[in-house]
Amino acid sequence: MSREADHTIKGFLYQFNKTLNAILMSNEKENLQIEGIIEDIDIESSNLTSAIQCKYHESNTQFNLSDIYKPVLQMLCHYLESGNSNIKYILYAYFPNEKVGFKRITISQLEEITSTNNFDYINKYVSKIKPPKDKQIEEILKKPRKTTEEKAKIREYYKSNDLESVVDLRKFLKDHFVFEIGHSYDSLAHETKKLLEAEGFSTDDVNDLFYPNAIQYIAEISIIPEERKRITNKIELIGFLNKSKKTAMSRWTSELLSRKELLKIKRKQLMPSLNANSRLRYFLIDPDYIEDFDDEFILFVKEYLEKYNSKIKLHTYTPCFFIKTNTNKLSEYHQRFVLKGIPIITGYIGDTFLFEEFNRDPKRIVKDNWVEFKAKITCISDDIKAYINTKKCDDLYVLGDINTSVLDTVDVNIEQITINDFKELKYILSIIKEV
């Protein structure tokens, strides 16, 4: 991963941490909008909206006023256009060499910001805060696209003319703007974890379960298109966490914890159900999601069956593997299982899927330690979705981008597993001891 990409991800996580921190610090009457209408976080109380924008400048050796030109100009524009006097704009930004706490911005500094020579800032923001008095410039600014000469003309106009701001800059600074130097990423995360502990969660559970799940909760809400659905509050967050029994595996939790730590936590959480001998397990698998699927799938199933379906008296349920593939590929897999000496059924007789064939249990001869077939393996289809809803499993493992909304998952333990490597999958399923 490039350094720039790494900083971008950390910037998102910093924002999620600040959002989580703000929720935990809020009172029960306040609603918070994640990726708010105004800023990254909008906190609504009875008579005031606090609009927080987060910035993370880990690589900056020192603070320069130009670092905050854009967010301040954006806030000034919103303040101008909203006409709402009950908004407090908070710029929460981390700079390594700045002292944590509130930092004063003077009127002369704000005037410097609104006098920027950056064309993009002039075009998008300054031209609204300081409207031009020249009709030609006004018309050029209305154009969606501008030539190099037009851009130069606009820049020169704003450089040469002392235009009046239609925003009361002094009032904005005094009553509507706060610049706060934020904690470092690690310090903010530590403080946020302490706030979770203050809600009654143990330190170990916060580190392994509730903190990563809370960050995932924020991340999932942040990408919801509908604005009203991005609103949450402290009661909803704590309610969600109280129902959390397993750590989410996602790109965000993988960034919070080392991959090895996350796999170890997931392995530990899956172990109790895997240790139960009499348990019906289904796997929903997207082959495109797993590296070297074709080469390793047969071996994975073989190792799984040796671990969890080899004792004829104890292992009484037949595991099912449902693959997002076509019947031709399924037929190829079936042949390879036969050549490997692993008896399975697919539910297909020729090209026809027979529900009754797939639904039946294998014949067993206990004294000979013989079972007719050890696994059911077939394509994901409407028939299979009906089968899953009719014959409910205990554990449903979902690997890949598979829509489970049509499935009846009441009283089913669902494990959404974000893993694209069979070795990691075998590790969290306790098939192998090391990864």
Protein backbone atom coordinates (compact mmCIF):
# COMPACT_ATOMS: atom_id res chain seq x y z
CA MET A 1 0.00 0.00 0.00
CA SER A 2 1.32 3.49 -0.87
CA ARG A 3 2.09 6.01 1.86
CA GLU A 4 -0.66 8.26 0.48
CA ALA A 5 -3.25 5.46 0.61
CA ASP A 6 -2.15 4.58 4.13
CA HIS A 7 -2.65 8.19 5.25
CA THR A 8 -6.08 8.28 3.58
CA ILE A 9 -7.25 5.16 5.45
CA LYS A 10 -5.88 6.52 8.72
CA GLY A 11 -7.71 9.79 8.03
CA PHE A 12 -11.00 7.91 7.70
CA LEU A 13 -10.31 5.93 10.88
CA TYR A 14 -9.44 9.16 12.70
CA GLN A 15 -12.80 10.59 11.65
CA PHE A 16 -14.61 7.39 12.74
CA ASN A 17 -12.83 7.56 16.11
CA LYS A 18 -13.82 11.19 16.59
CA THR A 19 -17.40 10.33 15.62
CA LEU A 20 -17.50 7.47 18.11
CA ASN A 21 -15.96 9.73 20.74
CA ALA A 22 -18.60 12.39 20.09
CA ILE A 23 -21.44 9.85 20.37
CA LEU A 24 -20.12 8.52 23.67
CA MET A 25 -19.68 12.08 25.00
CA SER A 26 -23.20 13.13 23.97
CA ASN A 27 -26.29 13.06 26.14
CA GLU A 28 -29.34 10.93 25.52
CA LYS A 29 -31.32 13.81 23.99
CA GLU A 30 -28.78 14.52 21.24
CA ASN A 31 -28.83 12.96 17.78
CA LEU A 32 -25.71 12.73 15.65
CA GLN A 33 -25.65 12.61 11.88
CA ILE A 34 -22.63 10.75 10.51
CA GLU A 35 -21.38 12.30 7.26
CA GLY A 36 -23.78 15.07 8.14
CA ILE A 37 -25.50 17.56 5.89
CA ILE A 38 -23.11 20.25 7.12
CA GLU A 39 -19.88 18.49 8.16
CA ASP A 40 -18.40 15.06 8.96
CA ILE A 41 -20.40 14.98 12.20
CA ASP A 42 -23.53 17.04 12.95
CA ILE A 43 -24.64 17.01 16.58
CA GLU A 44 -28.23 18.17 17.07
CA SER A 45 -29.29 19.41 20.50
CA SER A 46 -32.42 21.35 21.41
CA ASN A 47 -31.18 24.79 20.30
CA LEU A 48 -27.78 24.31 18.67
CA THR A 49 -26.14 22.29 15.91
CA SER A 50 -22.45 21.49 16.35
CA ALA A 51 -20.93 20.75 12.95
CA ILE A 52 -17.54 19.02 13.27
CA GLN A 53 -15.06 18.57 10.43
CA CYS A 54 -12.09 16.26 11.11
CA LYS A 55 -8.63 16.59 9.58
CA TYR A 56 -5.62 14.40 10.24
CA HIS A 57 -2.22 15.89 9.33
CA GLU A 58 0.16 13.27 10.70
CA SER A 59 2.90 13.99 8.16
CA ASN A 60 2.96 17.79 8.63
CA THR A 61 6.12 18.88 10.45
CA GLN A 62 4.46 22.15 11.46
CA PHE A 63 1.14 23.96 11.24
CA ASN A 64 0.65 26.40 8.37
CA LEU A 65 -2.45 28.56 8.05
CA SER A 66 -2.85 27.31 4.47
CA ASP A 67 -3.53 23.83 5.89
CA ILE A 68 -6.95 24.98 7.02
CA TYR A 69 -7.90 27.32 4.16
CA LYS A 70 -10.30 24.87 2.53
CA PRO A 71 -12.30 23.70 5.60
CA VAL A 72 -12.62 27.27 6.92
CA LEU A 73 -13.80 28.55 3.53
CA GLN A 74 -16.30 25.69 3.30
CA MET A 75 -17.65 26.60 6.73
CA LEU A 76 -17.91 30.29 5.83
CA CYS A 77 -19.87 29.42 2.69
CA HIS A 78 -22.27 27.18 4.56
CA TYR A 79 -22.72 29.84 7.23
CA LEU A 80 -23.52 32.38 4.50
CA GLU A 81 -25.92 30.15 2.57
CA SER A 82 -27.75 28.53 5.50
CA GLY A 83 -28.79 31.72 7.25
CA ASN A 84 -28.91 29.62 10.44
CA SER A 85 -27.55 31.45 13.48
CA ASN A 86 -27.70 28.31 15.65
CA ILE A 87 -24.72 26.49 14.15
CA LYS A 88 -21.31 26.11 15.78
CA TYR A 89 -18.63 25.08 13.26
CA ILE A 90 -15.83 23.03 14.82
CA LEU A 91 -12.64 22.28 12.95
CA TYR A 92 -11.01 19.36 14.76
CA ALA A 93 -7.56 18.78 13.30
CA TYR A 94 -4.41 16.96 14.38
CA PHE A 95 -0.97 18.49 13.82
CA PRO A 96 2.00 16.65 15.44
CA ASN A 97 3.76 19.77 16.78
CA GLU A 98 0.68 21.63 18.01
CA LYS A 99 -0.55 21.54 21.59
CA VAL A 100 -3.88 19.75 22.06
CA GLY A 101 -6.67 22.19 22.80
CA PHE A 102 -8.39 25.23 21.35
CA LYS A 103 -6.31 27.38 18.98
CA ARG A 104 -7.18 31.01 18.35
CA ILE A 105 -7.68 32.23 14.82
CA THR A 106 -7.47 36.02 14.51
CA ILE A 107 -9.51 38.29 12.26
CA SER A 108 -6.37 39.08 10.25
CA GLN A 109 -5.77 35.35 9.70
CA LEU A 110 -9.37 34.86 8.59
CA GLU A 111 -8.98 37.79 6.17
CA GLU A 112 -5.81 36.14 4.85
CA ILE A 113 -7.76 32.91 4.26
CA THR A 114 -10.46 34.74 2.30
CA SER A 115 -7.73 36.49 0.24
CA THR A 116 -6.20 33.25 -1.04
CA ASN A 117 -4.76 33.20 -4.55
CA ASN A 118 -5.73 29.53 -5.07
CA PHE A 119 -8.04 29.50 -8.10
CA ASP A 120 -10.13 26.51 -6.99
CA TYR A 121 -10.81 28.16 -3.63
CA ILE A 122 -11.64 31.48 -5.31
CA ASN A 123 -13.95 29.77 -7.79
CA LYS A 124 -15.83 27.60 -5.28
CA TYR A 125 -15.78 29.64 -2.08
CA VAL A 126 -14.25 33.13 -2.10
CA SER A 127 -16.43 34.28 -5.01
CA LYS A 128 -19.47 33.65 -2.78
CA ILE A 129 -17.97 35.20 0.33
CA LYS A 130 -16.66 38.19 -1.68
CA PRO A 131 -18.91 38.51 -4.75
CA PRO A 132 -17.30 40.27 -7.73
CA LYS A 133 -18.44 43.75 -8.75
CA ASP A 134 -17.32 43.24 -12.33
CA LYS A 135 -20.08 41.81 -14.58
CA GLN A 136 -17.59 40.09 -16.88
CA ILE A 137 -15.96 38.27 -13.95
CA GLU A 138 -19.40 37.40 -12.63
CA GLU A 139 -20.35 35.80 -15.96
CA ILE A 140 -17.08 33.86 -16.20
CA LEU A 141 -17.59 32.49 -12.70
CA LYS A 142 -20.98 31.10 -13.78
CA LYS A 143 -19.36 28.96 -16.47
CA PRO A 144 -19.03 25.26 -15.56
CA ARG A 145 -15.73 25.14 -17.46
CA LYS A 146 -13.19 27.93 -17.79
CA THR A 147 -10.22 28.43 -20.08
CA THR A 148 -6.69 28.97 -18.77
CA GLU A 149 -6.99 32.66 -19.71
CA GLU A 150 -10.32 32.99 -17.85
CA LYS A 151 -8.88 31.38 -14.75
CA ALA A 152 -5.93 33.77 -14.85
CA LYS A 153 -8.32 36.73 -15.26
CA ILE A 154 -10.35 35.68 -12.22
CA ARG A 155 -7.24 35.15 -10.12
CA GLU A 156 -5.82 38.53 -11.11
CA TYR A 157 -9.15 40.26 -10.43
CA TYR A 158 -9.32 38.95 -6.87
CA LYS A 159 -5.63 39.72 -6.31
CA SER A 160 -5.96 43.34 -7.50
CA ASN A 161 -9.29 44.25 -5.87
CA ASP A 162 -10.03 44.65 -2.19
CA LEU A 163 -13.54 43.23 -2.20
CA GLU A 164 -15.92 43.42 0.71
CA SER A 165 -17.00 40.22 2.44
CA VAL A 166 -20.75 39.65 2.65
CA VAL A 167 -20.08 37.49 5.70
CA ASP A 168 -19.55 39.18 9.05
CA LEU A 169 -16.14 37.63 9.70
CA ARG A 170 -15.88 38.97 13.25
CA LYS A 171 -19.27 37.55 14.21
CA PHE A 172 -18.39 34.22 12.57
CA LEU A 173 -15.16 34.01 14.61
CA LYS A 174 -16.78 35.13 17.86
CA ASP A 175 -20.03 33.15 17.83
CA HIS A 176 -19.83 30.38 15.22
CA PHE A 177 -16.33 28.99 14.81
CA VAL A 178 -13.98 26.90 16.95
CA PHE A 179 -10.58 25.55 15.92
CA GLU A 180 -9.49 22.65 18.11
CA ILE A 181 -6.16 20.86 17.82
CA GLY A 182 -7.06 17.22 18.21
CA HIS A 183 -5.36 14.31 19.90
CA SER A 184 -3.04 12.03 17.99
CA TYR A 185 -4.65 8.96 16.45
CA ASP A 186 -3.43 6.67 19.23
CA SER A 187 -4.43 9.10 22.00
CA LEU A 188 -7.91 9.60 20.53
CA ALA A 189 -8.40 5.83 20.21
CA HIS A 190 -7.23 5.35 23.82
CA GLU A 191 -9.62 8.03 25.09
CA THR A 192 -12.49 6.51 23.09
CA LYS A 193 -11.81 3.06 24.54
CA LYS A 194 -11.89 4.56 28.04
CA LEU A 195 -15.30 6.06 27.27
CA LEU A 196 -16.51 2.59 26.25
CA GLU A 197 -15.18 1.14 29.49
CA ALA A 198 -17.10 3.87 31.34
CA GLU A 199 -20.27 2.40 29.80
CA GLY A 200 -19.60 -0.85 31.66
CA PHE A 201 -17.64 -2.84 29.08
CA SER A 202 -14.51 -4.65 30.31
CA THR A 203 -11.09 -3.63 29.02
CA ASP A 204 -10.49 -6.95 27.24
CA ASP A 205 -13.92 -6.93 25.60
CA VAL A 206 -13.47 -3.31 24.52
CA ASN A 207 -10.16 -4.10 22.79
CA ASP A 208 -11.26 -7.36 21.15
CA LEU A 209 -14.96 -6.81 20.49
CA PHE A 210 -16.73 -3.56 21.28
CA TYR A 211 -14.22 -0.99 20.02
CA PRO A 212 -13.68 -2.61 16.58
CA ASN A 213 -17.43 -3.27 16.26
CA ALA A 214 -18.22 0.34 17.19
CA ILE A 215 -15.85 1.60 14.48
CA GLN A 216 -17.46 -0.80 12.00
CA TYR A 217 -20.90 0.52 13.10
CA ILE A 218 -19.78 4.07 12.28
CA ALA A 219 -18.21 3.00 8.96
CA GLU A 220 -21.37 1.20 7.80
CA ILE A 221 -23.64 4.13 8.66
CA SER A 222 -21.32 6.61 6.93
CA ILE A 223 -21.92 5.07 3.48
CA ILE A 224 -25.74 4.96 3.66
CA PRO A 225 -27.06 7.22 0.85
CA GLU A 226 -30.20 8.41 2.67
CA GLU A 227 -29.39 11.30 5.01
CA ARG A 228 -32.00 10.44 7.64
CA LYS A 229 -30.61 6.90 7.96
CA ARG A 230 -27.21 8.27 8.94
CA ILE A 231 -28.65 9.63 12.19
CA THR A 232 -27.83 7.78 15.41
CA ASN A 233 -27.37 8.44 19.10
CA LYS A 234 -25.72 7.06 22.20
CA ILE A 235 -28.65 4.81 23.15
CA GLU A 236 -28.69 3.16 19.70
CA LEU A 237 -24.92 2.65 19.71
CA ILE A 238 -24.83 1.07 23.18
CA GLY A 239 -27.83 -1.10 22.26
CA PHE A 240 -26.02 -2.33 19.15
CA LEU A 241 -22.85 -3.08 21.12
CA ASN A 242 -24.74 -4.94 23.84
CA LYS A 243 -26.02 -7.31 21.14
CA SER A 244 -22.55 -7.77 19.62
CA LYS A 245 -21.23 -11.26 20.24
CA LYS A 246 -18.51 -11.47 17.61
CA THR A 247 -15.95 -9.20 16.07
CA ALA A 248 -16.72 -7.94 12.58
CA MET A 249 -14.10 -8.80 9.98
CA SER A 250 -13.78 -5.93 7.53
CA ARG A 251 -11.18 -3.60 6.01
CA TRP A 252 -11.72 -1.25 8.95
CA THR A 253 -11.31 -3.78 11.75
CA SER A 254 -8.31 -5.17 9.88
CA GLU A 255 -6.76 -1.70 10.06
CA LEU A 256 -7.52 -1.33 13.78
CA LEU A 257 -5.96 -4.66 14.74
CA SER A 258 -3.09 -6.51 13.17
CA ARG A 259 -4.29 -9.23 10.81
CA LYS A 260 -2.89 -11.88 13.14
CA GLU A 261 -4.70 -10.37 16.15
CA LEU A 262 -7.98 -10.21 14.26
CA LEU A 263 -7.72 -13.81 13.06
CA LYS A 264 -6.86 -14.97 16.57
CA ILE A 265 -9.90 -13.17 18.01
CA LYS A 266 -12.18 -14.61 15.33
CA ARG A 267 -10.82 -18.12 15.86
CA LYS A 268 -11.51 -17.83 19.59
CA GLN A 269 -15.07 -16.60 18.96
CA LEU A 270 -15.88 -19.42 16.51
CA MET A 271 -14.42 -22.16 18.67
CA PRO A 272 -17.42 -22.84 21.00
CA SER A 273 -19.82 -23.62 18.12
CA LEU A 274 -17.18 -25.59 16.23
CA ASN A 275 -16.49 -27.72 19.30
CA ALA A 276 -20.12 -28.89 19.30
CA ASN A 277 -20.30 -32.27 17.55
CA SER A 278 -23.97 -32.21 16.61
CA ARG A 279 -24.36 -28.97 14.65
CA LEU A 280 -25.63 -28.31 11.10
CA ARG A 281 -23.32 -25.96 9.19
CA TYR A 282 -23.78 -24.32 5.80
CA PHE A 283 -21.17 -22.47 3.75
CA LEU A 284 -22.14 -19.87 1.13
CA ILE A 285 -19.08 -19.27 -1.03
CA ASP A 286 -18.21 -16.89 -3.85
CA PRO A 287 -15.18 -18.48 -5.62
CA ASP A 288 -14.12 -15.11 -7.07
CA TYR A 289 -13.57 -13.91 -3.54
CA ILE A 290 -11.00 -16.56 -2.59
CA GLU A 291 -7.53 -16.80 -4.10
CA ASP A 292 -6.69 -20.06 -5.89
CA PHE A 293 -10.20 -21.38 -5.23
CA ASP A 294 -10.13 -24.00 -7.97
CA ASP A 295 -6.80 -25.40 -6.83
CA GLU A 296 -7.58 -25.54 -3.12
CA PHE A 297 -11.34 -26.04 -2.68
CA ILE A 298 -11.32 -29.85 -2.80
CA LEU A 299 -8.46 -30.02 -0.29
CA PHE A 300 -10.19 -27.54 2.01
CA VAL A 301 -13.38 -29.62 2.09
CA LYS A 302 -11.32 -32.78 2.69
CA GLU A 303 -9.55 -31.22 5.69
CA TYR A 304 -12.81 -29.80 7.02
CA LEU A 305 -14.51 -33.22 6.84
CA GLU A 306 -11.56 -34.93 8.54
CA LYS A 307 -11.89 -32.44 11.39
CA TYR A 308 -15.67 -32.06 11.70
CA ASN A 309 -17.38 -34.98 9.96
CA SER A 310 -15.26 -38.07 10.56
CA LYS A 311 -16.87 -39.59 13.67
CA ILE A 312 -19.94 -41.49 12.55
CA LYS A 313 -21.56 -41.65 16.01
CA LEU A 314 -20.87 -38.04 16.99
CA HIS A 315 -21.02 -36.07 13.73
CA THR A 316 -24.66 -36.60 12.87
CA TYR A 317 -25.24 -33.64 10.52
CA THR A 318 -24.01 -33.42 6.93
CA PRO A 319 -22.32 -30.08 6.13
CA CYS A 320 -23.43 -28.22 3.00
CA PHE A 321 -21.26 -26.11 0.71
CA PHE A 322 -23.17 -23.80 -1.63
CA ILE A 323 -21.03 -22.29 -4.37
CA LYS A 324 -21.72 -19.30 -6.60
CA THR A 325 -20.97 -21.15 -9.84
CA ASN A 326 -22.58 -22.98 -12.77
CA THR A 327 -23.51 -26.64 -13.21
CA ASN A 328 -20.60 -27.36 -15.55
CA LYS A 329 -18.11 -26.25 -12.93
CA LEU A 330 -20.03 -28.13 -10.25
CA SER A 331 -19.80 -31.30 -12.35
CA GLU A 332 -16.03 -30.82 -12.58
CA TYR A 333 -15.76 -30.46 -8.80
CA HIS A 334 -17.92 -33.55 -8.32
CA GLN A 335 -15.60 -35.61 -10.51
CA ARG A 336 -12.56 -34.38 -8.56
CA PHE A 337 -14.21 -35.32 -5.23
CA VAL A 338 -14.86 -38.83 -6.59
CA LEU A 339 -11.24 -39.17 -7.72
CA LYS A 340 -10.17 -38.01 -4.27
CA GLY A 341 -12.32 -40.70 -2.64
CA ILE A 342 -14.70 -38.24 -0.97
CA PRO A 343 -18.37 -39.25 -1.36
CA ILE A 344 -20.66 -36.23 -1.87
CA ILE A 345 -24.02 -35.44 -3.47
CA THR A 346 -24.94 -32.37 -5.53
CA GLY A 347 -28.71 -32.81 -5.82
CA TYR A 348 -28.39 -33.06 -9.61
CA ILE A 349 -29.47 -36.05 -11.67
CA GLY A 350 -28.20 -35.18 -15.11
CA ASP A 351 -29.00 -31.49 -15.64
CA THR A 352 -31.96 -31.46 -13.26
CA PHE A 353 -31.81 -30.42 -9.62
CA LEU A 354 -34.01 -32.63 -7.46
CA PHE A 355 -34.96 -31.09 -4.14
CA GLU A 356 -35.77 -34.50 -2.63
CA GLU A 357 -32.37 -35.89 -3.66
CA PHE A 358 -30.48 -33.04 -2.04
CA ASN A 359 -32.71 -32.99 1.05
CA ARG A 360 -32.16 -36.63 2.02
CA ASP A 361 -29.84 -37.82 4.78
CA PRO A 362 -27.03 -40.30 4.04
CA LYS A 363 -27.40 -43.99 4.85
CA ARG A 364 -25.11 -45.11 7.67
CA ILE A 365 -23.68 -48.45 8.82
CA VAL A 366 -22.20 -47.66 12.21
CA LYS A 367 -20.48 -51.03 12.78
CA ASP A 368 -18.59 -50.66 9.51
CA ASN A 369 -17.94 -46.94 10.10
CA TRP A 370 -19.54 -46.34 6.70
CA VAL A 371 -21.58 -43.36 5.54
CA GLU A 372 -23.09 -42.98 2.07
CA PHE A 373 -21.86 -39.40 1.58
CA LYS A 374 -20.04 -36.91 3.79
CA ALA A 375 -21.03 -33.56 2.29
CA LYS A 376 -23.61 -31.84 0.13
CA ILE A 377 -22.06 -29.53 -2.44
CA THR A 378 -24.03 -27.63 -5.06
CA CYS A 379 -24.63 -24.33 -6.87
CA ILE A 380 -26.37 -21.38 -5.26
CA SER A 381 -29.80 -21.11 -6.90
CA ASP A 382 -33.41 -20.25 -6.06
CA ASP A 383 -33.96 -23.93 -5.19
CA ILE A 384 -31.04 -23.80 -2.77
CA LYS A 385 -32.29 -20.58 -1.16
CA ALA A 386 -35.61 -22.35 -0.61
CA TYR A 387 -33.73 -25.33 0.82
CA ILE A 388 -31.78 -23.09 3.25
CA ASN A 389 -35.03 -21.48 4.42
CA THR A 390 -36.79 -24.86 4.74
CA LYS A 391 -34.03 -26.79 6.47
CA LYS A 392 -32.47 -24.25 8.77
CA CYS A 393 -28.88 -24.66 9.83
CA ASP A 394 -27.21 -23.78 13.12
CA ASP A 395 -24.28 -21.89 11.57
CA LEU A 396 -24.21 -20.08 8.24
CA TYR A 397 -20.73 -19.07 7.06
CA VAL A 398 -20.79 -16.48 4.25
CA LEU A 399 -17.60 -16.01 2.25
CA GLY A 400 -17.72 -13.26 -0.33
CA ASP A 401 -20.24 -10.83 -1.76
CA ILE A 402 -23.42 -12.91 -1.48
CA ASN A 403 -26.86 -11.41 -0.88
CA THR A 404 -28.42 -13.09 2.18
CA SER A 405 -31.42 -10.74 2.47
CA VAL A 406 -33.76 -13.34 0.92
CA LEU A 407 -32.76 -15.95 3.49
CA ASP A 408 -34.67 -16.60 6.68
CA THR A 409 -31.90 -16.21 9.24
CA VAL A 410 -34.03 -16.11 12.38
CA ASP A 411 -32.39 -18.36 15.00
CA VAL A 412 -29.38 -18.89 12.70
CA ASN A 413 -25.86 -17.93 13.69
CA ILE A 414 -24.48 -15.99 10.70
CA GLU A 415 -20.75 -15.53 10.25
CA GLN A 416 -19.80 -13.05 7.54
CA ILE A 417 -16.16 -13.92 6.96
CA THR A 418 -13.96 -11.38 5.19
CA ILE A 419 -11.16 -13.73 4.21
CA ASN A 420 -9.80 -14.41 0.72
CA ASP A 421 -7.26 -17.05 1.65
CA PHE A 422 -7.99 -20.72 2.44
CA LYS A 423 -5.12 -20.88 4.93
CA GLU A 424 -6.62 -18.08 7.02
CA LEU A 425 -10.05 -19.70 6.73
CA LYS A 426 -8.70 -23.04 7.96
CA TYR A 427 -7.00 -21.24 10.86
CA ILE A 428 -10.13 -19.48 12.15
CA LEU A 429 -12.07 -22.74 11.74
CA SER A 430 -9.42 -24.43 13.94
CA ILE A 431 -8.52 -26.89 11.18
CA ILE A 432 -4.86 -25.84 11.40
CA LYS A 433 -3.01 -24.43 14.41
CA GLU A 434 -0.90 -21.71 12.79
CA VAL A 435 -1.34 -19.30 9.91
